[in-house]
Amino acid sequence: MKSRTQATAALLRSLAAALLLMGVPEPVLFGTTAAFYGAIAKDYHLPFEDKILEELLFDGQLKSDPIHPNARGYRRLAEAMAELLRKAGAV
């Protein structure tokens, strides 16, 4: 996963695409965001969000099933990404 994420970031950067990176929690019962996402964000100077998916996964009121967000969860996700874009000066 790390090497694919790095390759994707490098390719998109070479195409002058604007990027942001969202960390995905480790696939374990009580995991936290995989550490390599933060390192990639730092290496490529990318705006980085590493808390929202963990918040969604552990709040049953924000999910429609054990994995997927419901309408409230998707709203929270959109709000977090919008805030990241504002902080990065993209909007």
Protein backbone atom coordinates (compact mmCIF):
# COMPACT_ATOMS: atom_id res chain seq x y z
CA MET A 1 0.00 0.00 0.00
CA LYS A 2 2.81 2.42 0.87
CA SER A 3 4.64 2.03 -2.43
CA ARG A 4 1.42 2.38 -4.44
CA THR A 5 0.49 5.53 -2.54
CA GLN A 6 3.96 6.99 -3.10
CA ALA A 7 3.85 6.12 -6.81
CA THR A 8 0.42 7.69 -7.19
CA ALA A 9 1.53 10.87 -5.41
CA ALA A 10 4.65 11.09 -7.58
CA LEU A 11 2.69 10.55 -10.78
CA LEU A 12 0.04 13.10 -9.93
CA ARG A 13 2.67 15.63 -8.85
CA SER A 14 4.47 15.14 -12.18
CA LEU A 15 1.19 16.04 -13.90
CA ALA A 16 0.91 19.20 -11.77
CA ALA A 17 -2.28 17.91 -10.13
CA ALA A 18 -3.37 19.41 -6.80
CA LEU A 19 -3.38 16.70 -4.13
CA LEU A 20 -4.48 16.08 -0.59
CA LEU A 21 -4.02 12.87 1.34
CA MET A 22 -6.41 11.15 3.70
CA GLY A 23 -4.91 8.54 6.03
CA VAL A 24 -6.70 5.22 6.22
CA PRO A 25 -6.77 3.33 9.52
CA GLU A 26 -4.86 0.06 9.77
CA PRO A 27 -7.16 -2.93 9.21
CA VAL A 28 -7.08 -4.07 12.85
CA LEU A 29 -9.69 -3.94 15.58
CA PHE A 30 -8.43 -0.81 17.34
CA GLY A 31 -5.88 0.52 14.89
CA THR A 32 -4.85 4.02 14.13
CA THR A 33 -3.98 5.59 10.80
CA ALA A 34 -1.11 3.80 9.11
CA ALA A 35 2.00 5.84 9.87
CA PHE A 36 3.28 5.86 6.31
CA TYR A 37 0.51 8.23 5.18
CA GLY A 38 1.91 11.02 7.34
CA ALA A 39 5.41 10.39 6.00
CA ILE A 40 4.18 10.53 2.40
CA ALA A 41 2.23 13.73 3.10
CA LYS A 42 5.39 15.28 4.54
CA ASP A 43 7.64 14.06 1.71
CA TYR A 44 5.30 15.42 -0.97
CA HIS A 45 4.17 18.51 1.00
CA LEU A 46 0.51 17.41 0.85
CA PRO A 47 -2.39 18.62 2.97
CA PHE A 48 -3.13 15.63 5.20
CA GLU A 49 -6.19 14.47 7.15
CA ASP A 50 -5.66 11.52 9.47
CA LYS A 51 -8.52 11.58 11.98
CA ILE A 52 -11.84 11.62 10.14
CA LEU A 53 -11.95 8.01 8.92
CA GLU A 54 -11.04 6.74 12.37
CA GLU A 55 -13.82 8.91 13.82
CA LEU A 56 -16.32 7.49 11.33
CA LEU A 57 -15.26 3.88 11.93
CA PHE A 58 -15.69 4.11 15.70
CA ASP A 59 -18.95 6.08 15.88
CA GLY A 60 -21.94 3.84 15.17
CA GLN A 61 -24.20 6.86 14.75
CA LEU A 62 -22.19 7.88 11.67
CA LYS A 63 -22.36 4.48 9.90
CA SER A 64 -24.98 2.66 7.87
CA ASP A 65 -23.27 -0.71 8.43
CA PRO A 66 -20.07 -1.87 10.18
CA ILE A 67 -17.87 -0.09 7.62
CA HIS A 68 -19.73 2.48 5.51
CA PRO A 69 -20.77 5.97 6.61
CA ASN A 70 -24.40 7.01 6.61
CA ALA A 71 -25.61 10.46 5.50
CA ARG A 72 -24.37 12.06 8.75
CA GLY A 73 -21.03 10.31 8.36
CA TYR A 74 -20.58 11.47 4.79
CA ARG A 75 -21.45 15.01 5.89
CA ARG A 76 -18.72 14.80 8.58
CA LEU A 77 -16.28 13.50 5.99
CA ALA A 78 -17.12 16.35 3.60
CA GLU A 79 -16.78 18.90 6.40
CA ALA A 80 -13.36 17.55 7.39
CA MET A 81 -12.12 17.60 3.82
CA ALA A 82 -13.49 21.12 3.25
CA GLU A 83 -11.67 22.30 6.38
CA LEU A 84 -8.44 20.72 5.15
CA LEU A 85 -8.83 22.45 1.78
CA ARG A 86 -9.47 25.79 3.52
CA LYS A 87 -6.38 25.38 5.72
CA ALA A 88 -4.32 24.52 2.65
CA GLY A 89 -5.57 27.65 0.86
CA ALA A 90 -7.23 25.63 -1.90
CA VAL A 91 -10.66 27.19 -1.33
